[in-house]
N, C-alpha and C. Protein backbone atom coordinates (compact mmCIF):
# COMPACT_ATOMS: atom_id res chain seq x y z
N UNK A 1 -5.23 26.90 -13.87
CA UNK A 1 -6.62 26.46 -13.62
C UNK A 1 -7.00 25.37 -14.62
N UNK A 2 -7.84 24.42 -14.20
CA UNK A 2 -8.27 23.38 -15.13
C UNK A 2 -8.96 23.97 -16.34
N UNK A 3 -8.73 23.34 -17.47
CA UNK A 3 -9.34 23.80 -18.71
C UNK A 3 -10.86 23.64 -18.63
N UNK A 4 -11.59 24.71 -19.00
CA UNK A 4 -13.05 24.64 -19.01
C UNK A 4 -13.50 23.78 -20.18
N UNK A 5 -14.43 22.91 -19.92
CA UNK A 5 -14.85 21.95 -20.94
C UNK A 5 -15.87 22.57 -21.89
N UNK A 6 -15.52 22.72 -23.16
CA UNK A 6 -16.49 23.20 -24.13
C UNK A 6 -17.45 22.09 -24.52
N UNK A 7 -18.55 22.47 -25.14
CA UNK A 7 -19.59 21.49 -25.45
C UNK A 7 -19.57 21.05 -26.90
N UNK A 8 -18.66 21.59 -27.74
CA UNK A 8 -18.70 21.25 -29.15
C UNK A 8 -18.25 19.81 -29.38
N UNK A 9 -18.80 19.15 -30.43
CA UNK A 9 -18.43 17.76 -30.73
C UNK A 9 -16.94 17.66 -31.03
N UNK A 10 -16.36 16.56 -30.71
CA UNK A 10 -14.95 16.34 -30.99
C UNK A 10 -14.02 16.79 -29.89
N UNK A 11 -14.59 17.44 -28.87
CA UNK A 11 -13.73 17.92 -27.78
C UNK A 11 -13.01 16.76 -27.10
N UNK A 12 -13.76 15.71 -26.75
CA UNK A 12 -13.16 14.57 -26.04
C UNK A 12 -12.06 13.94 -26.86
N UNK A 13 -12.29 13.79 -28.15
CA UNK A 13 -11.28 13.18 -29.02
C UNK A 13 -10.01 14.03 -29.05
N UNK A 14 -10.19 15.36 -29.14
CA UNK A 14 -9.03 16.25 -29.16
C UNK A 14 -8.27 16.21 -27.84
N UNK A 15 -9.01 16.15 -26.74
CA UNK A 15 -8.38 16.08 -25.42
C UNK A 15 -7.60 14.79 -25.28
N UNK A 16 -8.19 13.68 -25.68
CA UNK A 16 -7.51 12.39 -25.60
C UNK A 16 -6.24 12.40 -26.43
N UNK A 17 -6.30 13.03 -27.60
CA UNK A 17 -5.12 13.10 -28.46
C UNK A 17 -4.03 13.94 -27.82
N UNK A 18 -4.43 15.07 -27.23
CA UNK A 18 -3.45 15.93 -26.55
C UNK A 18 -2.78 15.18 -25.39
N UNK A 19 -3.58 14.49 -24.59
CA UNK A 19 -3.03 13.76 -23.46
C UNK A 19 -2.10 12.65 -23.95
N UNK A 20 -2.52 11.95 -25.00
CA UNK A 20 -1.69 10.87 -25.55
C UNK A 20 -0.34 11.38 -26.00
N UNK A 21 -0.34 12.52 -26.69
CA UNK A 21 0.91 13.06 -27.21
C UNK A 21 1.85 13.52 -26.10
N UNK A 22 1.29 14.17 -25.09
CA UNK A 22 2.13 14.62 -23.97
C UNK A 22 2.62 13.42 -23.16
N UNK A 23 1.75 12.44 -22.95
CA UNK A 23 2.15 11.24 -22.21
C UNK A 23 3.26 10.50 -22.94
N UNK A 24 3.16 10.44 -24.26
CA UNK A 24 4.20 9.78 -25.06
C UNK A 24 5.54 10.50 -24.89
N UNK A 25 5.50 11.82 -24.90
CA UNK A 25 6.74 12.59 -24.71
C UNK A 25 7.34 12.35 -23.33
N UNK A 26 6.49 12.31 -22.31
CA UNK A 26 6.98 12.07 -20.95
C UNK A 26 7.62 10.68 -20.84
N UNK A 27 7.02 9.70 -21.47
CA UNK A 27 7.58 8.36 -21.42
C UNK A 27 8.90 8.28 -22.16
N UNK A 28 8.94 8.87 -23.35
CA UNK A 28 10.14 8.78 -24.18
C UNK A 28 11.31 9.56 -23.60
N UNK A 29 11.04 10.74 -23.08
CA UNK A 29 12.12 11.61 -22.62
C UNK A 29 12.48 11.40 -21.16
N UNK A 30 11.49 11.10 -20.31
CA UNK A 30 11.75 10.98 -18.88
C UNK A 30 11.86 9.54 -18.41
N UNK A 31 11.63 8.60 -19.32
CA UNK A 31 11.77 7.20 -18.95
C UNK A 31 10.65 6.66 -18.11
N UNK A 32 9.46 7.29 -18.14
CA UNK A 32 8.32 6.78 -17.38
C UNK A 32 7.82 5.51 -18.06
N UNK A 33 7.71 4.42 -17.32
CA UNK A 33 7.29 3.15 -17.90
C UNK A 33 5.81 2.85 -17.68
N UNK A 34 5.18 3.56 -16.75
CA UNK A 34 3.77 3.33 -16.44
C UNK A 34 2.89 4.19 -17.33
N UNK A 35 2.03 3.55 -18.10
CA UNK A 35 1.11 4.29 -18.96
C UNK A 35 0.15 5.13 -18.11
N UNK A 36 -0.32 4.55 -17.01
CA UNK A 36 -1.25 5.27 -16.16
C UNK A 36 -0.64 6.53 -15.58
N UNK A 37 0.57 6.41 -15.07
CA UNK A 37 1.26 7.57 -14.50
C UNK A 37 1.51 8.62 -15.56
N UNK A 38 1.93 8.19 -16.75
CA UNK A 38 2.24 9.13 -17.82
C UNK A 38 1.01 9.94 -18.23
N UNK A 39 -0.14 9.29 -18.35
CA UNK A 39 -1.32 10.05 -18.79
C UNK A 39 -1.89 10.93 -17.68
N UNK A 40 -1.72 10.52 -16.43
CA UNK A 40 -2.16 11.40 -15.34
C UNK A 40 -1.28 12.65 -15.27
N UNK A 41 0.03 12.46 -15.44
CA UNK A 41 0.94 13.61 -15.46
C UNK A 41 0.63 14.52 -16.65
N UNK A 42 0.35 13.90 -17.80
CA UNK A 42 0.04 14.67 -18.99
C UNK A 42 -1.23 15.50 -18.79
N UNK A 43 -2.26 14.89 -18.22
CA UNK A 43 -3.50 15.60 -17.97
C UNK A 43 -3.27 16.77 -17.03
N UNK A 44 -2.45 16.56 -16.02
CA UNK A 44 -2.15 17.64 -15.07
C UNK A 44 -1.42 18.78 -15.76
N UNK A 45 -0.44 18.44 -16.60
CA UNK A 45 0.31 19.48 -17.32
C UNK A 45 -0.61 20.29 -18.22
N UNK A 46 -1.59 19.64 -18.80
CA UNK A 46 -2.51 20.31 -19.73
C UNK A 46 -3.66 21.01 -19.01
N UNK A 47 -3.71 20.85 -17.69
CA UNK A 47 -4.78 21.48 -16.92
C UNK A 47 -6.13 20.84 -17.14
N UNK A 48 -6.12 19.53 -17.43
CA UNK A 48 -7.36 18.81 -17.69
C UNK A 48 -7.77 18.05 -16.43
N UNK A 49 -8.99 18.22 -15.94
CA UNK A 49 -9.42 17.55 -14.70
C UNK A 49 -9.38 16.03 -14.82
N UNK A 50 -9.17 15.37 -13.69
CA UNK A 50 -9.15 13.91 -13.67
C UNK A 50 -10.48 13.32 -14.10
N UNK A 51 -11.55 14.13 -14.01
CA UNK A 51 -12.86 13.62 -14.38
C UNK A 51 -13.02 13.46 -15.88
N UNK A 52 -12.13 14.09 -16.65
CA UNK A 52 -12.20 13.94 -18.10
C UNK A 52 -11.84 12.51 -18.49
N UNK A 53 -12.37 12.06 -19.63
CA UNK A 53 -12.06 10.71 -20.13
C UNK A 53 -10.61 10.68 -20.60
N UNK A 54 -9.79 9.86 -19.95
CA UNK A 54 -8.40 9.73 -20.34
C UNK A 54 -8.28 8.73 -21.49
N UNK A 55 -7.26 8.88 -22.31
CA UNK A 55 -7.09 7.94 -23.42
C UNK A 55 -6.77 6.54 -22.94
N UNK A 56 -7.11 5.56 -23.75
CA UNK A 56 -6.78 4.18 -23.43
C UNK A 56 -5.27 3.97 -23.61
N UNK A 57 -4.75 2.94 -22.98
CA UNK A 57 -3.32 2.67 -23.08
C UNK A 57 -2.89 2.39 -24.52
N UNK A 58 -3.78 1.80 -25.31
CA UNK A 58 -3.45 1.56 -26.72
C UNK A 58 -3.19 2.88 -27.45
N UNK A 59 -3.94 3.92 -27.10
CA UNK A 59 -3.74 5.23 -27.72
C UNK A 59 -2.39 5.81 -27.31
N UNK A 60 -2.03 5.59 -26.05
CA UNK A 60 -0.72 6.07 -25.58
C UNK A 60 0.39 5.35 -26.33
N UNK A 61 0.25 4.04 -26.49
CA UNK A 61 1.29 3.27 -27.18
C UNK A 61 1.45 3.73 -28.62
N UNK A 62 0.35 3.98 -29.30
CA UNK A 62 0.42 4.46 -30.68
C UNK A 62 1.15 5.81 -30.75
N UNK A 63 0.80 6.71 -29.82
CA UNK A 63 1.47 8.01 -29.79
C UNK A 63 2.95 7.86 -29.45
N UNK A 64 3.28 6.90 -28.58
CA UNK A 64 4.67 6.67 -28.20
C UNK A 64 5.48 6.19 -29.39
N UNK A 65 4.91 5.28 -30.17
CA UNK A 65 5.63 4.78 -31.34
C UNK A 65 5.90 5.92 -32.34
N UNK A 66 4.91 6.78 -32.51
CA UNK A 66 5.09 7.92 -33.42
C UNK A 66 6.18 8.85 -32.88
N UNK A 67 6.14 9.14 -31.58
CA UNK A 67 7.13 10.05 -30.99
C UNK A 67 8.53 9.48 -31.14
N UNK A 68 8.70 8.20 -30.84
CA UNK A 68 10.02 7.59 -30.93
C UNK A 68 10.54 7.62 -32.37
N UNK A 69 9.66 7.40 -33.33
CA UNK A 69 10.09 7.40 -34.72
C UNK A 69 10.46 8.79 -35.21
N UNK A 70 9.83 9.82 -34.62
CA UNK A 70 10.09 11.19 -35.05
C UNK A 70 11.28 11.83 -34.34
N UNK A 71 11.36 11.62 -33.03
CA UNK A 71 12.32 12.38 -32.23
C UNK A 71 13.48 11.56 -31.67
N UNK A 72 13.38 10.23 -31.77
CA UNK A 72 14.49 9.39 -31.31
C UNK A 72 14.84 8.37 -32.38
N UNK A 73 14.77 8.81 -33.61
CA UNK A 73 14.96 7.92 -34.76
C UNK A 73 16.33 7.25 -34.75
N UNK A 74 17.38 8.00 -34.36
CA UNK A 74 18.72 7.44 -34.33
C UNK A 74 19.04 6.78 -33.00
N UNK A 75 18.49 7.33 -31.94
CA UNK A 75 18.77 6.83 -30.59
C UNK A 75 18.11 5.49 -30.32
N UNK A 76 16.88 5.31 -30.77
CA UNK A 76 16.12 4.11 -30.45
C UNK A 76 16.77 2.82 -30.94
N UNK A 77 17.23 2.74 -32.21
CA UNK A 77 17.86 1.49 -32.65
C UNK A 77 19.07 1.10 -31.81
N UNK A 78 19.86 2.07 -31.41
CA UNK A 78 21.03 1.77 -30.57
C UNK A 78 20.60 1.27 -29.20
N UNK A 79 19.53 1.87 -28.68
CA UNK A 79 19.02 1.45 -27.38
C UNK A 79 18.50 0.02 -27.45
N UNK A 80 17.73 -0.29 -28.49
CA UNK A 80 17.20 -1.64 -28.64
C UNK A 80 18.32 -2.66 -28.82
N UNK A 81 19.33 -2.28 -29.58
CA UNK A 81 20.46 -3.18 -29.80
C UNK A 81 21.17 -3.50 -28.49
N UNK A 82 21.39 -2.47 -27.68
CA UNK A 82 22.06 -2.67 -26.39
C UNK A 82 21.23 -3.57 -25.48
N UNK A 83 19.94 -3.28 -25.37
CA UNK A 83 19.07 -4.08 -24.51
C UNK A 83 19.03 -5.53 -24.96
N UNK A 84 18.94 -5.74 -26.26
CA UNK A 84 18.86 -7.11 -26.78
C UNK A 84 20.18 -7.85 -26.63
N UNK A 85 21.29 -7.14 -26.80
CA UNK A 85 22.59 -7.77 -26.63
C UNK A 85 22.78 -8.26 -25.19
N UNK A 86 22.47 -7.39 -24.24
CA UNK A 86 22.64 -7.77 -22.84
C UNK A 86 21.64 -8.85 -22.44
N UNK A 87 20.44 -8.77 -23.00
CA UNK A 87 19.45 -9.80 -22.72
C UNK A 87 19.91 -11.15 -23.25
N UNK A 88 20.49 -11.16 -24.45
CA UNK A 88 20.93 -12.41 -25.05
C UNK A 88 22.03 -13.07 -24.22
N UNK A 89 22.95 -12.28 -23.72
CA UNK A 89 24.00 -12.83 -22.86
C UNK A 89 23.39 -13.50 -21.63
N UNK A 90 22.44 -12.82 -21.00
CA UNK A 90 21.80 -13.36 -19.80
C UNK A 90 20.95 -14.58 -20.15
N UNK A 91 20.25 -14.53 -21.27
CA UNK A 91 19.41 -15.65 -21.67
C UNK A 91 20.24 -16.91 -21.93
N UNK A 92 21.39 -16.74 -22.55
CA UNK A 92 22.26 -17.89 -22.80
C UNK A 92 22.78 -18.47 -21.49
N UNK A 93 23.07 -17.61 -20.55
CA UNK A 93 23.52 -18.06 -19.25
C UNK A 93 22.41 -18.83 -18.52
N UNK A 94 21.16 -18.37 -18.71
CA UNK A 94 20.01 -18.96 -18.01
C UNK A 94 19.22 -19.90 -18.92
N UNK A 95 19.89 -20.48 -19.89
CA UNK A 95 19.20 -21.30 -20.90
C UNK A 95 18.40 -22.44 -20.28
N UNK A 96 18.86 -23.01 -19.20
CA UNK A 96 18.17 -24.13 -18.56
C UNK A 96 16.79 -23.75 -18.03
N UNK A 97 16.53 -22.42 -17.93
CA UNK A 97 15.25 -21.95 -17.41
C UNK A 97 14.33 -21.42 -18.52
N UNK A 98 14.56 -21.86 -19.75
CA UNK A 98 13.70 -21.51 -20.90
C UNK A 98 13.41 -20.02 -20.98
N UNK A 99 14.43 -19.19 -21.17
CA UNK A 99 14.23 -17.74 -21.16
C UNK A 99 13.57 -17.20 -22.42
N UNK A 100 12.77 -16.14 -22.24
CA UNK A 100 12.16 -15.42 -23.36
C UNK A 100 12.30 -13.93 -23.11
N UNK A 101 12.69 -13.20 -24.15
CA UNK A 101 12.69 -11.74 -24.07
C UNK A 101 11.27 -11.25 -24.33
N UNK A 102 10.80 -10.32 -23.50
CA UNK A 102 9.46 -9.76 -23.64
C UNK A 102 9.53 -8.24 -23.45
N UNK A 103 8.40 -7.58 -23.64
CA UNK A 103 8.32 -6.16 -23.29
C UNK A 103 8.90 -5.20 -24.32
N UNK A 104 9.16 -3.97 -23.90
CA UNK A 104 9.60 -2.91 -24.81
C UNK A 104 10.88 -3.20 -25.58
N UNK A 105 11.80 -3.95 -24.97
CA UNK A 105 13.05 -4.27 -25.68
C UNK A 105 12.79 -5.16 -26.88
N UNK A 106 11.68 -5.87 -26.85
CA UNK A 106 11.31 -6.73 -27.98
C UNK A 106 10.38 -6.00 -28.95
N UNK A 107 9.36 -5.31 -28.42
CA UNK A 107 8.35 -4.73 -29.31
C UNK A 107 8.73 -3.37 -29.88
N UNK A 108 9.89 -2.83 -29.46
CA UNK A 108 10.39 -1.59 -30.06
C UNK A 108 9.93 -0.32 -29.40
N UNK A 109 9.32 -0.41 -28.21
CA UNK A 109 8.86 0.80 -27.52
C UNK A 109 9.73 1.12 -26.31
N UNK A 110 10.98 0.70 -26.35
CA UNK A 110 11.89 0.94 -25.21
C UNK A 110 12.21 2.43 -25.09
N UNK A 111 11.76 3.01 -24.00
CA UNK A 111 12.05 4.42 -23.75
C UNK A 111 13.39 4.52 -23.04
N UNK A 112 13.85 5.74 -22.80
CA UNK A 112 15.10 5.92 -22.08
C UNK A 112 15.03 5.25 -20.70
N UNK A 113 16.10 4.61 -20.32
CA UNK A 113 16.21 3.92 -19.04
C UNK A 113 15.34 2.66 -18.98
N UNK A 114 14.88 2.16 -20.12
CA UNK A 114 14.08 0.94 -20.14
C UNK A 114 14.92 -0.25 -19.69
N UNK A 115 14.24 -1.23 -19.10
CA UNK A 115 14.90 -2.46 -18.68
C UNK A 115 14.68 -3.55 -19.72
N UNK A 116 15.60 -4.51 -19.77
CA UNK A 116 15.42 -5.68 -20.62
C UNK A 116 14.66 -6.72 -19.81
N UNK A 117 13.44 -7.03 -20.22
CA UNK A 117 12.57 -7.92 -19.46
C UNK A 117 12.66 -9.35 -20.00
N UNK A 118 12.94 -10.28 -19.11
CA UNK A 118 13.11 -11.69 -19.48
C UNK A 118 12.21 -12.55 -18.62
N UNK A 119 11.47 -13.46 -19.26
CA UNK A 119 10.66 -14.43 -18.54
C UNK A 119 11.44 -15.73 -18.41
N UNK A 120 11.39 -16.34 -17.23
CA UNK A 120 12.05 -17.62 -16.98
C UNK A 120 11.01 -18.61 -16.44
N UNK A 121 11.26 -19.90 -16.68
CA UNK A 121 10.35 -20.94 -16.21
C UNK A 121 11.16 -22.00 -15.47
N UNK A 122 10.77 -22.23 -14.22
CA UNK A 122 11.55 -23.11 -13.36
C UNK A 122 10.64 -23.88 -12.42
N UNK A 123 11.19 -24.95 -11.84
CA UNK A 123 10.44 -25.69 -10.82
C UNK A 123 10.18 -24.81 -9.61
N UNK A 124 11.13 -23.92 -9.34
CA UNK A 124 11.01 -23.01 -8.20
C UNK A 124 11.86 -21.78 -8.45
N UNK A 125 11.38 -20.64 -7.99
CA UNK A 125 12.17 -19.41 -8.11
C UNK A 125 13.47 -19.55 -7.34
N UNK A 126 13.47 -20.41 -6.32
CA UNK A 126 14.68 -20.64 -5.53
C UNK A 126 15.79 -21.22 -6.40
N UNK A 127 15.41 -22.04 -7.38
CA UNK A 127 16.40 -22.62 -8.28
C UNK A 127 17.14 -21.53 -9.05
N UNK A 128 16.39 -20.54 -9.52
CA UNK A 128 16.99 -19.42 -10.25
C UNK A 128 17.87 -18.61 -9.31
N UNK A 129 17.37 -18.36 -8.13
CA UNK A 129 18.13 -17.58 -7.14
C UNK A 129 19.46 -18.25 -6.82
N UNK A 130 19.43 -19.55 -6.59
CA UNK A 130 20.66 -20.28 -6.27
C UNK A 130 21.61 -20.26 -7.46
N UNK A 131 21.06 -20.41 -8.66
CA UNK A 131 21.90 -20.40 -9.86
C UNK A 131 22.61 -19.05 -10.01
N UNK A 132 21.88 -17.97 -9.82
CA UNK A 132 22.49 -16.64 -9.93
C UNK A 132 23.59 -16.46 -8.89
N UNK A 133 23.34 -16.91 -7.68
CA UNK A 133 24.35 -16.79 -6.63
C UNK A 133 25.58 -17.62 -6.96
N UNK A 134 25.37 -18.83 -7.49
CA UNK A 134 26.50 -19.69 -7.87
C UNK A 134 27.34 -19.06 -8.97
N UNK A 135 26.68 -18.28 -9.83
CA UNK A 135 27.39 -17.62 -10.93
C UNK A 135 28.01 -16.29 -10.50
N UNK A 136 27.80 -15.92 -9.24
CA UNK A 136 28.36 -14.67 -8.74
C UNK A 136 27.63 -13.45 -9.26
N UNK A 137 26.36 -13.61 -9.60
CA UNK A 137 25.57 -12.50 -10.15
C UNK A 137 24.74 -11.89 -9.03
N UNK A 138 24.94 -10.62 -8.79
CA UNK A 138 24.16 -9.92 -7.76
C UNK A 138 22.79 -9.56 -8.31
N UNK A 139 21.79 -9.58 -7.45
CA UNK A 139 20.44 -9.22 -7.86
C UNK A 139 19.67 -8.71 -6.65
N UNK A 140 18.56 -8.05 -6.94
CA UNK A 140 17.66 -7.62 -5.88
C UNK A 140 16.24 -8.02 -6.25
N UNK A 141 15.42 -8.22 -5.25
CA UNK A 141 14.03 -8.60 -5.49
C UNK A 141 13.25 -7.37 -5.97
N UNK A 142 12.40 -7.58 -6.96
CA UNK A 142 11.57 -6.50 -7.51
C UNK A 142 10.11 -6.82 -7.24
N UNK A 143 9.27 -5.79 -7.32
CA UNK A 143 7.83 -5.98 -7.11
C UNK A 143 7.26 -6.88 -8.19
N UNK A 144 6.28 -7.67 -7.83
CA UNK A 144 5.61 -8.57 -8.77
C UNK A 144 4.37 -7.89 -9.33
N UNK A 145 4.22 -7.90 -10.66
CA UNK A 145 3.01 -7.38 -11.29
C UNK A 145 1.88 -8.38 -11.10
N UNK A 146 0.70 -7.88 -10.82
CA UNK A 146 -0.45 -8.76 -10.62
C UNK A 146 -1.53 -8.54 -11.67
N UNK A 147 -1.19 -7.92 -12.80
CA UNK A 147 -2.23 -7.61 -13.79
C UNK A 147 -1.86 -8.09 -15.18
N UNK A 148 -1.09 -9.15 -15.28
CA UNK A 148 -0.63 -9.59 -16.58
C UNK A 148 -1.68 -10.45 -17.29
N UNK A 149 -2.23 -11.41 -16.59
CA UNK A 149 -3.31 -12.22 -17.14
C UNK A 149 -4.12 -12.72 -15.94
N UNK A 150 -5.40 -12.40 -15.87
CA UNK A 150 -6.17 -12.63 -14.65
C UNK A 150 -6.02 -14.01 -14.03
N UNK A 151 -6.13 -15.07 -14.83
CA UNK A 151 -6.15 -16.40 -14.23
C UNK A 151 -4.77 -16.97 -13.96
N UNK A 152 -3.68 -16.29 -14.39
CA UNK A 152 -2.35 -16.78 -14.05
C UNK A 152 -1.50 -15.69 -13.38
N UNK A 153 -2.09 -14.51 -13.18
CA UNK A 153 -1.29 -13.39 -12.67
C UNK A 153 -0.68 -13.67 -11.31
N UNK A 154 -1.38 -14.49 -10.49
CA UNK A 154 -0.85 -14.79 -9.18
C UNK A 154 0.18 -15.91 -9.21
N UNK A 155 0.49 -16.43 -10.40
CA UNK A 155 1.42 -17.55 -10.50
C UNK A 155 2.88 -17.10 -10.66
N UNK A 156 3.13 -15.81 -10.89
CA UNK A 156 4.52 -15.36 -10.94
C UNK A 156 5.14 -15.57 -9.57
N UNK A 157 6.24 -16.28 -9.54
CA UNK A 157 6.82 -16.66 -8.27
C UNK A 157 7.77 -15.60 -7.70
N UNK A 158 8.48 -14.92 -8.57
CA UNK A 158 9.44 -13.92 -8.09
C UNK A 158 9.89 -13.06 -9.26
N UNK A 159 10.47 -11.92 -8.90
CA UNK A 159 11.09 -11.04 -9.89
C UNK A 159 12.42 -10.57 -9.34
N UNK A 160 13.46 -10.68 -10.17
CA UNK A 160 14.79 -10.25 -9.77
C UNK A 160 15.27 -9.16 -10.73
N UNK A 161 15.91 -8.16 -10.18
CA UNK A 161 16.50 -7.10 -10.98
C UNK A 161 18.02 -7.25 -10.94
N UNK A 162 18.63 -7.34 -12.12
CA UNK A 162 20.06 -7.59 -12.24
C UNK A 162 20.71 -6.45 -12.99
N UNK A 163 21.85 -5.97 -12.50
CA UNK A 163 22.60 -4.93 -13.19
C UNK A 163 23.42 -5.55 -14.31
N UNK A 164 23.17 -5.09 -15.55
CA UNK A 164 24.00 -5.50 -16.66
C UNK A 164 25.19 -4.57 -16.78
N UNK A 165 25.88 -4.64 -17.90
CA UNK A 165 27.02 -3.75 -18.10
C UNK A 165 26.57 -2.31 -18.29
N UNK A 166 25.53 -2.13 -19.13
CA UNK A 166 25.05 -0.79 -19.43
C UNK A 166 23.55 -0.65 -19.28
N UNK A 167 22.91 -1.66 -18.77
CA UNK A 167 21.46 -1.59 -18.62
C UNK A 167 21.02 -2.48 -17.45
N UNK A 168 19.73 -2.50 -17.20
CA UNK A 168 19.15 -3.30 -16.12
C UNK A 168 18.32 -4.43 -16.75
N UNK A 169 18.45 -5.62 -16.18
CA UNK A 169 17.66 -6.75 -16.64
C UNK A 169 16.65 -7.13 -15.57
N UNK A 170 15.42 -7.37 -15.99
CA UNK A 170 14.35 -7.73 -15.07
C UNK A 170 13.93 -9.16 -15.37
N UNK A 171 14.15 -10.05 -14.40
CA UNK A 171 13.87 -11.47 -14.58
C UNK A 171 12.58 -11.84 -13.85
N UNK A 172 11.59 -12.32 -14.59
CA UNK A 172 10.31 -12.76 -14.00
C UNK A 172 10.25 -14.27 -14.06
N UNK A 173 10.03 -14.90 -12.90
CA UNK A 173 10.07 -16.37 -12.83
C UNK A 173 8.67 -16.93 -12.67
N UNK A 174 8.34 -17.91 -13.55
CA UNK A 174 7.05 -18.59 -13.54
C UNK A 174 7.27 -20.10 -13.40
N UNK A 175 6.25 -20.83 -12.97
CA UNK A 175 6.34 -22.30 -12.95
C UNK A 175 6.45 -22.85 -14.37
N UNK A 176 7.09 -24.00 -14.51
CA UNK A 176 7.24 -24.65 -15.82
C UNK A 176 5.90 -24.85 -16.50
N UNK A 177 4.87 -25.11 -15.73
CA UNK A 177 3.56 -25.43 -16.31
C UNK A 177 2.94 -24.27 -17.07
N UNK A 178 3.46 -23.07 -16.88
CA UNK A 178 2.88 -21.89 -17.54
C UNK A 178 3.64 -21.47 -18.79
N UNK A 179 4.65 -22.25 -19.18
CA UNK A 179 5.46 -21.82 -20.33
C UNK A 179 4.62 -21.71 -21.60
N UNK A 180 3.63 -22.56 -21.74
CA UNK A 180 2.80 -22.53 -22.95
C UNK A 180 1.70 -21.47 -22.89
N UNK A 181 1.51 -20.86 -21.74
CA UNK A 181 0.49 -19.82 -21.60
C UNK A 181 1.04 -18.51 -22.15
N UNK A 182 0.28 -17.84 -23.01
CA UNK A 182 0.71 -16.56 -23.57
C UNK A 182 0.10 -15.44 -22.73
N UNK A 183 0.96 -14.73 -22.04
CA UNK A 183 0.47 -13.63 -21.20
C UNK A 183 0.12 -12.40 -22.04
N UNK A 184 -0.56 -11.47 -21.40
CA UNK A 184 -0.98 -10.25 -22.09
C UNK A 184 -0.14 -9.07 -21.64
N UNK A 185 0.03 -8.14 -22.56
CA UNK A 185 0.72 -6.89 -22.23
C UNK A 185 -0.04 -6.22 -21.08
N UNK A 186 0.63 -5.94 -19.94
CA UNK A 186 -0.08 -5.38 -18.80
C UNK A 186 -0.64 -3.98 -19.06
N UNK A 187 -0.16 -3.32 -20.11
CA UNK A 187 -0.63 -1.96 -20.41
C UNK A 187 -1.78 -1.95 -21.40
N UNK A 188 -1.65 -2.75 -22.47
CA UNK A 188 -2.64 -2.69 -23.53
C UNK A 188 -3.64 -3.83 -23.49
N UNK A 189 -3.31 -4.91 -22.81
CA UNK A 189 -4.20 -6.07 -22.78
C UNK A 189 -4.03 -7.00 -23.96
N UNK A 190 -3.22 -6.63 -24.95
CA UNK A 190 -2.99 -7.49 -26.10
C UNK A 190 -2.09 -8.66 -25.70
N UNK A 191 -2.20 -9.76 -26.44
CA UNK A 191 -1.31 -10.89 -26.20
C UNK A 191 0.13 -10.42 -26.44
N UNK A 192 0.98 -10.64 -25.46
CA UNK A 192 2.35 -10.11 -25.52
C UNK A 192 3.23 -11.01 -26.38
N UNK A 193 4.09 -10.38 -27.16
CA UNK A 193 5.07 -11.13 -27.93
C UNK A 193 6.21 -11.58 -27.03
N UNK A 194 6.91 -12.61 -27.45
CA UNK A 194 8.09 -13.05 -26.72
C UNK A 194 9.05 -13.72 -27.69
N UNK A 195 10.32 -13.72 -27.35
CA UNK A 195 11.34 -14.25 -28.25
C UNK A 195 12.32 -15.11 -27.48
N UNK A 196 12.60 -16.30 -28.01
CA UNK A 196 13.58 -17.16 -27.36
C UNK A 196 15.00 -16.77 -27.79
N UNK A 197 15.97 -17.55 -27.36
CA UNK A 197 17.36 -17.21 -27.63
C UNK A 197 17.64 -17.08 -29.12
N UNK A 198 17.18 -18.04 -29.90
CA UNK A 198 17.46 -18.01 -31.35
C UNK A 198 16.83 -16.79 -32.00
N UNK A 199 15.62 -16.44 -31.58
CA UNK A 199 14.93 -15.30 -32.18
C UNK A 199 15.63 -13.99 -31.84
N UNK A 200 16.07 -13.83 -30.61
CA UNK A 200 16.79 -12.62 -30.23
C UNK A 200 18.10 -12.51 -30.99
N UNK A 201 18.81 -13.64 -31.13
CA UNK A 201 20.06 -13.64 -31.89
C UNK A 201 19.81 -13.24 -33.33
N UNK A 202 18.71 -13.71 -33.91
CA UNK A 202 18.36 -13.37 -35.29
C UNK A 202 18.04 -11.89 -35.41
N UNK A 203 17.33 -11.33 -34.44
CA UNK A 203 17.03 -9.90 -34.45
C UNK A 203 18.32 -9.08 -34.46
N UNK A 204 19.29 -9.49 -33.67
CA UNK A 204 20.55 -8.76 -33.61
C UNK A 204 21.33 -8.89 -34.91
N UNK A 205 21.25 -10.03 -35.54
CA UNK A 205 21.93 -10.20 -36.83
C UNK A 205 21.32 -9.28 -37.90
N UNK A 206 20.01 -9.08 -37.81
CA UNK A 206 19.33 -8.20 -38.78
C UNK A 206 19.77 -6.76 -38.63
N UNK A 207 20.13 -6.37 -37.39
CA UNK A 207 20.52 -4.97 -37.18
C UNK A 207 22.00 -4.77 -37.42
């Protein structure tokens, strides 16, 4: 049965913290990449009605970072290294399309089964598609996110999912004119970090 809501102060804060912690565990252990899905599942597990105030995505991210540092302390660095290594190989291959590593593989929140996310900039997504085919690289079309940055979100031309050796790479293609635009993290709304080939190579040298 849903948890009955007490009236004492601090209840909402405690509930949000509980949901954040369970959502972080679900993301880290089950590989859930959607913050929204993770917190809805967490609320259901805790018996908390949907009408309760759910934590913001920033709260989930903070709890996720804590969980990863506590329970996947040894596993996470190896996962990040693998994702970055495979991303670097693909980025060097696609250098003509100004590749950047973005997302969890860069910011350190890569959960199990995370993909290496790469942004590309081209005159046309068709150019990238033809290049991949010429290189003998198989890929499949992936859904396009429409919530990255309101005034440029509709400018993503295509998304391709490519099988790496031990991981999956997600290629998002934008027009050349948007390379200088800094997109926002679709989960937290913060300006998203990104790393070019040299920066990713330097990160790997540090590890």
